[in-house]
Amino acid sequence: MWTRRYWILAAAVVLAACGSTPGQEAKPAGNRVVAARYIGVLPCADCRGVRADLLLYTEPGGAPAGYELIQTYLGTRDGDRSFTSSGPWSSGRGVPQDQQALVIQLDAGQPGRGRSFRQIGPRVLRALDANLGDLPAHMPRSLLRVPDNLPTSAIVLTQGDAAQPVDVPSGQQVVLMLASQPSAGYGWAVIDGPPPQLAPTGEPVHVPDANGTGYDLFRYQPAQPGTYTLRLAYRAQSGAPAPLAELTFRVNVR
C-alpha cells in the first residue's frame, strides 16, 4: 500500500528515462525545470471526457517542484470549459494490485483535490481511483508521455480527441500521438494527405514504448486560420487495403 515515504530519487530516474532525447535542453520555469508532460482524456460524469495536460516540474537536483494541470471538460452544456490548477506532486511505491508500482500523486493529503496515477511502462500514467485501484478498463484512463523535444506550447492530441473540434491558437504546432504496435506489423497513416493549410513538420516517426508498442507521432504547423480535417487509418504496414481503425481530427485554428 501507499506509504508516506516519498521516493524522490526513483521518480527522478523514471522521469529522466521516459522519452529523453540526446541533445535536448530542459525547459526552465523560474528555478525549476519541466521533468515530464503527459496528455490524455480522462473520465467525466456529465460530459464527453476531461482532456488533461499535465506538467510535472522538478528542482535542478531532481526533487519534485510542483505541477500544472489544464483540464478541459469536453461537451458540457456551456461548451468546452478549461480550468488550470497547480500544487505539489510526490511519488511513492505500492498499490493494492502491485506493491512495487511507482505512483505519482497530485495534492496528496488534500481532500477533494488529490489525484493518483500509476506508471505503466516508461510512457504511460494510468489514473487511479480514491483507493489507488485501477479504473475500469472501458473508461479513458491513460495519459501519454509527450516527447521532451516538443515545445510545451504544442497542442498535442491523442485518440480521445478524435471526432470533436479542437481549438488551436494561430502559430502553435499541432501534434498527433496515436498508440501503435509496429512489432505486430501495424501503424498509422494519413488518408489522402493533410490539408495544404496544415504543413507537416518533418516525417512521421514512431516513439517506442515497451514490448513492441509505442505511438506514432505526426506534427503540423497551421499556415492560416480556419477549420481543417485530418483523417488517419490504422492498417497493416504490408499494404493490406482494409484498415483496422480510422480516426478523424477536426482542428479549428483561430
Protein backbone atom coordinates (compact mmCIF):
# COMPACT_ATOMS: atom_id res chain seq x y z
CA MET A 1 0.00 0.00 0.00
CA TRP A 2 0.97 3.65 -0.30
CA THR A 3 3.45 4.82 2.28
CA ARG A 4 4.19 8.39 3.34
CA ARG A 5 7.83 7.93 2.48
CA TYR A 6 8.45 9.70 -0.83
CA TRP A 7 10.75 8.00 -3.32
CA ILE A 8 12.07 11.16 -4.92
CA LEU A 9 15.15 9.57 -6.44
CA ALA A 10 13.13 6.75 -8.02
CA ALA A 11 10.72 9.23 -9.55
CA ALA A 12 13.53 11.38 -10.90
CA VAL A 13 15.16 8.34 -12.53
CA VAL A 14 11.89 7.24 -14.16
CA LEU A 15 11.05 10.73 -15.40
CA ALA A 16 14.54 11.20 -16.82
CA ALA A 17 14.36 7.84 -18.60
CA CYS A 18 10.93 8.41 -20.14
CA GLY A 19 11.50 9.68 -23.64
CA SER A 20 14.67 11.70 -23.25
CA THR A 21 16.23 12.81 -26.49
CA PRO A 22 20.01 13.25 -26.88
CA GLY A 23 20.96 16.90 -27.01
CA GLN A 24 17.61 18.20 -25.73
CA GLU A 25 17.50 21.10 -23.29
CA ALA A 26 15.45 21.22 -20.10
CA LYS A 27 12.71 23.85 -20.15
CA PRO A 28 13.10 26.39 -17.36
CA ALA A 29 10.25 27.71 -15.21
CA GLY A 30 11.86 30.02 -12.68
CA ASN A 31 14.33 27.92 -10.73
CA ARG A 32 12.70 24.65 -11.77
CA VAL A 33 12.50 22.61 -14.98
CA VAL A 34 9.81 20.59 -16.74
CA ALA A 35 10.59 16.97 -15.94
CA ALA A 36 7.66 15.45 -17.85
CA ARG A 37 4.50 16.34 -19.74
CA TYR A 38 1.54 13.98 -20.05
CA ILE A 39 -1.55 14.29 -22.28
CA GLY A 40 -4.80 12.33 -22.46
CA VAL A 41 -8.55 12.20 -21.91
CA LEU A 42 -9.93 11.04 -18.54
CA PRO A 43 -13.47 10.06 -17.48
CA CYS A 44 -16.18 12.66 -16.86
CA ALA A 45 -19.53 12.00 -15.15
CA ASP A 46 -21.53 14.60 -17.09
CA CYS A 47 -19.50 15.41 -20.23
CA ARG A 48 -17.70 13.59 -23.05
CA GLY A 49 -14.46 13.46 -21.11
CA VAL A 50 -11.82 15.60 -19.43
CA ARG A 51 -8.80 16.44 -21.56
CA ALA A 52 -5.80 16.60 -19.21
CA ASP A 53 -2.50 18.36 -19.96
CA LEU A 54 -0.14 17.72 -17.04
CA LEU A 55 3.30 19.27 -16.46
CA LEU A 56 5.48 17.87 -13.67
CA TYR A 57 8.31 20.16 -12.51
CA THR A 58 11.47 19.31 -10.59
CA GLU A 59 14.26 21.26 -8.96
CA PRO A 60 17.60 21.10 -10.80
CA GLY A 61 18.63 18.32 -8.41
CA GLY A 62 15.58 16.20 -9.26
CA ALA A 63 13.27 16.85 -6.27
CA PRO A 64 9.57 17.45 -7.13
CA ALA A 65 8.82 21.17 -7.54
CA GLY A 66 5.10 21.31 -8.25
CA TYR A 67 2.74 20.61 -11.13
CA GLU A 68 0.46 22.48 -13.52
CA LEU A 69 -2.67 20.82 -14.87
CA ILE A 70 -5.01 22.14 -17.55
CA GLN A 71 -8.32 20.26 -17.55
CA THR A 72 -10.78 20.83 -20.38
CA TYR A 73 -14.29 19.50 -19.81
CA LEU A 74 -15.48 18.46 -23.26
CA GLY A 75 -19.06 18.90 -24.42
CA THR A 76 -20.63 20.46 -21.33
CA ARG A 77 -23.94 22.34 -21.58
CA ASP A 78 -21.83 25.51 -21.88
CA GLY A 79 -19.42 24.03 -24.41
CA ASP A 80 -15.82 23.08 -23.67
CA ARG A 81 -14.62 24.61 -20.42
CA SER A 82 -10.97 24.74 -19.29
CA PHE A 83 -9.56 25.14 -15.79
CA THR A 84 -5.93 25.38 -14.68
CA SER A 85 -4.73 24.11 -11.31
CA SER A 86 -1.33 23.79 -9.64
CA GLY A 87 0.15 22.41 -6.46
CA PRO A 88 2.67 19.90 -5.12
CA TRP A 89 3.32 16.44 -6.50
CA SER A 90 5.08 13.49 -4.91
CA SER A 91 5.89 9.86 -5.67
CA GLY A 92 5.66 6.62 -3.76
CA ARG A 93 5.67 2.86 -4.14
CA GLY A 94 2.82 0.40 -3.95
CA VAL A 95 -0.84 -0.02 -4.89
CA PRO A 96 -3.13 -2.94 -3.95
CA GLN A 97 -2.55 -4.64 -7.31
CA ASP A 98 1.23 -4.07 -7.43
CA GLN A 99 3.33 -3.35 -4.36
CA GLN A 100 6.29 -2.19 -6.47
CA ALA A 101 4.38 0.15 -8.76
CA LEU A 102 5.55 3.74 -8.97
CA VAL A 103 2.67 6.09 -8.08
CA ILE A 104 2.53 9.80 -8.82
CA GLN A 105 0.24 11.83 -6.54
CA LEU A 106 -1.01 15.38 -7.02
CA ASP A 107 -2.01 17.35 -3.91
CA ALA A 108 -1.55 14.35 -1.63
CA GLY A 109 -3.50 14.64 1.61
CA GLN A 110 -5.75 17.45 0.39
CA PRO A 111 -9.41 16.29 0.47
CA GLY A 112 -11.23 16.82 -2.79
CA ARG A 113 -8.04 17.72 -4.70
CA GLY A 114 -5.80 14.67 -4.52
CA ARG A 115 -5.29 12.58 -7.67
CA SER A 116 -3.15 9.50 -8.20
CA PHE A 117 -1.59 7.85 -11.26
CA ARG A 118 0.29 4.56 -11.66
CA GLN A 119 3.28 4.32 -14.00
CA ILE A 120 2.59 1.76 -16.77
CA GLY A 121 5.77 1.20 -18.75
CA PRO A 122 8.05 4.14 -19.44
CA ARG A 123 5.50 6.36 -21.23
CA VAL A 124 2.06 5.97 -19.65
CA LEU A 125 0.38 7.20 -16.46
CA ARG A 126 -2.87 5.42 -15.60
CA ALA A 127 -5.42 7.25 -13.46
CA LEU A 128 -6.37 5.53 -10.18
CA ASP A 129 -9.47 5.78 -8.01
CA ALA A 130 -9.56 7.16 -4.46
CA ASN A 131 -8.39 3.79 -3.08
CA LEU A 132 -5.47 3.56 -5.54
CA GLY A 133 -7.29 0.92 -7.54
CA ASP A 134 -7.40 0.82 -11.35
CA LEU A 135 -10.36 2.45 -13.06
CA PRO A 136 -12.50 0.08 -15.19
CA ALA A 137 -10.81 -0.82 -18.47
CA HIS A 138 -13.66 0.58 -20.59
CA MET A 139 -13.04 4.09 -19.23
CA PRO A 140 -10.50 6.51 -20.74
CA ARG A 141 -7.81 6.44 -18.07
CA SER A 142 -4.34 6.89 -19.58
CA LEU A 143 -2.06 9.89 -20.02
CA LEU A 144 0.75 9.58 -22.57
CA ARG A 145 4.24 10.97 -22.04
CA VAL A 146 4.97 13.73 -24.56
CA PRO A 147 8.48 13.55 -26.08
CA ASP A 148 10.75 16.00 -24.33
CA ASN A 149 11.94 17.62 -27.55
CA LEU A 150 8.48 19.03 -28.31
CA PRO A 151 7.78 22.58 -27.12
CA THR A 152 5.40 22.79 -24.18
CA SER A 153 3.28 25.18 -26.27
CA ALA A 154 2.50 22.43 -28.82
CA ILE A 155 -1.14 21.29 -28.94
CA VAL A 156 -0.86 17.51 -28.53
CA LEU A 157 -3.84 15.34 -29.50
CA THR A 158 -4.47 11.65 -28.74
CA GLN A 159 -7.17 9.15 -29.76
CA GLY A 160 -9.51 10.65 -27.19
CA ASP A 161 -9.53 13.95 -29.13
CA ALA A 162 -10.83 12.39 -32.36
CA ALA A 163 -14.24 13.30 -33.81
CA GLN A 164 -14.61 16.52 -31.81
CA PRO A 165 -13.39 20.02 -32.72
CA VAL A 166 -10.17 21.16 -31.06
CA ASP A 167 -9.30 24.86 -30.88
CA VAL A 168 -5.70 25.74 -31.75
CA PRO A 169 -4.21 29.23 -31.37
CA SER A 170 -2.67 30.50 -34.60
CA GLY A 171 1.05 29.79 -34.88
CA GLN A 172 1.12 26.84 -32.47
CA GLN A 173 2.29 23.42 -33.57
CA VAL A 174 -0.28 20.58 -33.71
CA VAL A 175 0.95 17.10 -32.80
CA LEU A 176 -0.94 13.78 -33.07
CA MET A 177 0.19 10.95 -30.74
CA LEU A 178 -1.51 7.65 -31.66
CA ALA A 179 -0.85 4.31 -30.00
CA SER A 180 0.56 1.70 -32.38
CA GLN A 181 2.27 -1.68 -32.42
CA PRO A 182 4.74 -1.93 -35.31
CA SER A 183 6.09 -5.21 -33.92
CA ALA A 184 2.75 -6.72 -35.00
CA GLY A 185 3.03 -5.06 -38.39
CA TYR A 186 0.60 -2.16 -37.90
CA GLY A 187 0.89 1.60 -37.94
CA TRP A 188 -0.99 4.84 -38.59
CA ALA A 189 -1.03 6.66 -41.94
CA VAL A 190 -2.74 9.87 -43.09
CA ILE A 191 -5.56 9.30 -45.60
CA ASP A 192 -5.32 11.49 -48.73
CA GLY A 193 -2.62 13.66 -47.16
CA PRO A 194 -3.13 16.66 -44.84
CA PRO A 195 -4.88 19.85 -45.99
CA PRO A 196 -2.42 22.32 -47.56
CA GLN A 197 -3.05 24.76 -44.69
CA LEU A 198 -1.58 22.19 -42.26
CA ALA A 199 2.06 21.92 -43.26
CA PRO A 200 3.79 18.75 -41.95
CA THR A 201 6.80 19.47 -39.75
CA GLY A 202 9.12 16.61 -40.59
CA GLU A 203 8.25 13.00 -41.37
CA PRO A 204 6.01 10.88 -39.10
CA VAL A 205 8.04 8.99 -36.50
CA HIS A 206 7.38 6.08 -34.17
CA VAL A 207 8.21 6.58 -30.48
CA PRO A 208 8.77 3.13 -28.90
CA ASP A 209 7.49 2.09 -25.51
CA ALA A 210 7.80 -1.41 -24.07
CA ASN A 211 7.05 -4.84 -25.58
CA GLY A 212 6.99 -3.58 -29.16
CA THR A 213 4.33 -0.93 -28.53
CA GLY A 214 4.52 2.87 -28.51
CA TYR A 215 2.89 5.60 -30.56
CA ASP A 216 3.14 7.23 -33.97
CA LEU A 217 3.86 10.95 -33.98
CA PHE A 218 2.58 13.40 -36.65
CA ARG A 219 3.50 17.11 -36.47
CA TYR A 220 1.85 20.02 -38.29
CA GLN A 221 2.22 23.80 -38.42
CA PRO A 222 -1.02 25.64 -39.31
CA ALA A 223 -0.44 28.21 -42.06
CA GLN A 224 -3.60 30.27 -41.56
CA PRO A 225 -6.84 30.37 -39.50
CA GLY A 226 -9.65 28.01 -40.48
CA THR A 227 -11.20 24.62 -39.77
CA TYR A 228 -9.27 21.61 -41.07
CA THR A 229 -9.79 17.85 -41.03
CA LEU A 230 -7.18 15.14 -40.66
CA ARG A 231 -8.13 11.51 -41.36
CA LEU A 232 -5.86 8.63 -40.39
CA ALA A 233 -6.08 4.87 -40.80
CA TYR A 234 -4.51 2.11 -38.68
CA ARG A 235 -3.53 -0.61 -41.12
CA ALA A 236 -1.03 -3.34 -41.81
CA GLN A 237 2.31 -1.98 -42.97
CA SER A 238 2.38 -4.73 -45.61
CA GLY A 239 -0.15 -2.69 -47.59
CA ALA A 240 -3.36 -4.63 -46.85
CA PRO A 241 -6.21 -2.38 -48.05
CA ALA A 242 -8.68 -2.74 -45.16
CA PRO A 243 -7.68 -0.68 -42.08
CA LEU A 244 -8.34 -1.91 -38.57
CA ALA A 245 -9.47 1.53 -37.46
CA GLU A 246 -9.89 5.10 -38.69
CA LEU A 247 -9.75 8.41 -36.81
CA THR A 248 -10.86 11.91 -37.80
CA PHE A 249 -9.47 15.04 -36.14
CA ARG A 250 -11.07 18.47 -36.63
CA VAL A 251 -8.77 21.39 -35.92
CA ASN A 252 -10.09 24.94 -35.54
CA VAL A 253 -7.16 27.34 -35.99
CA ARG A 254 -8.06 30.73 -34.51
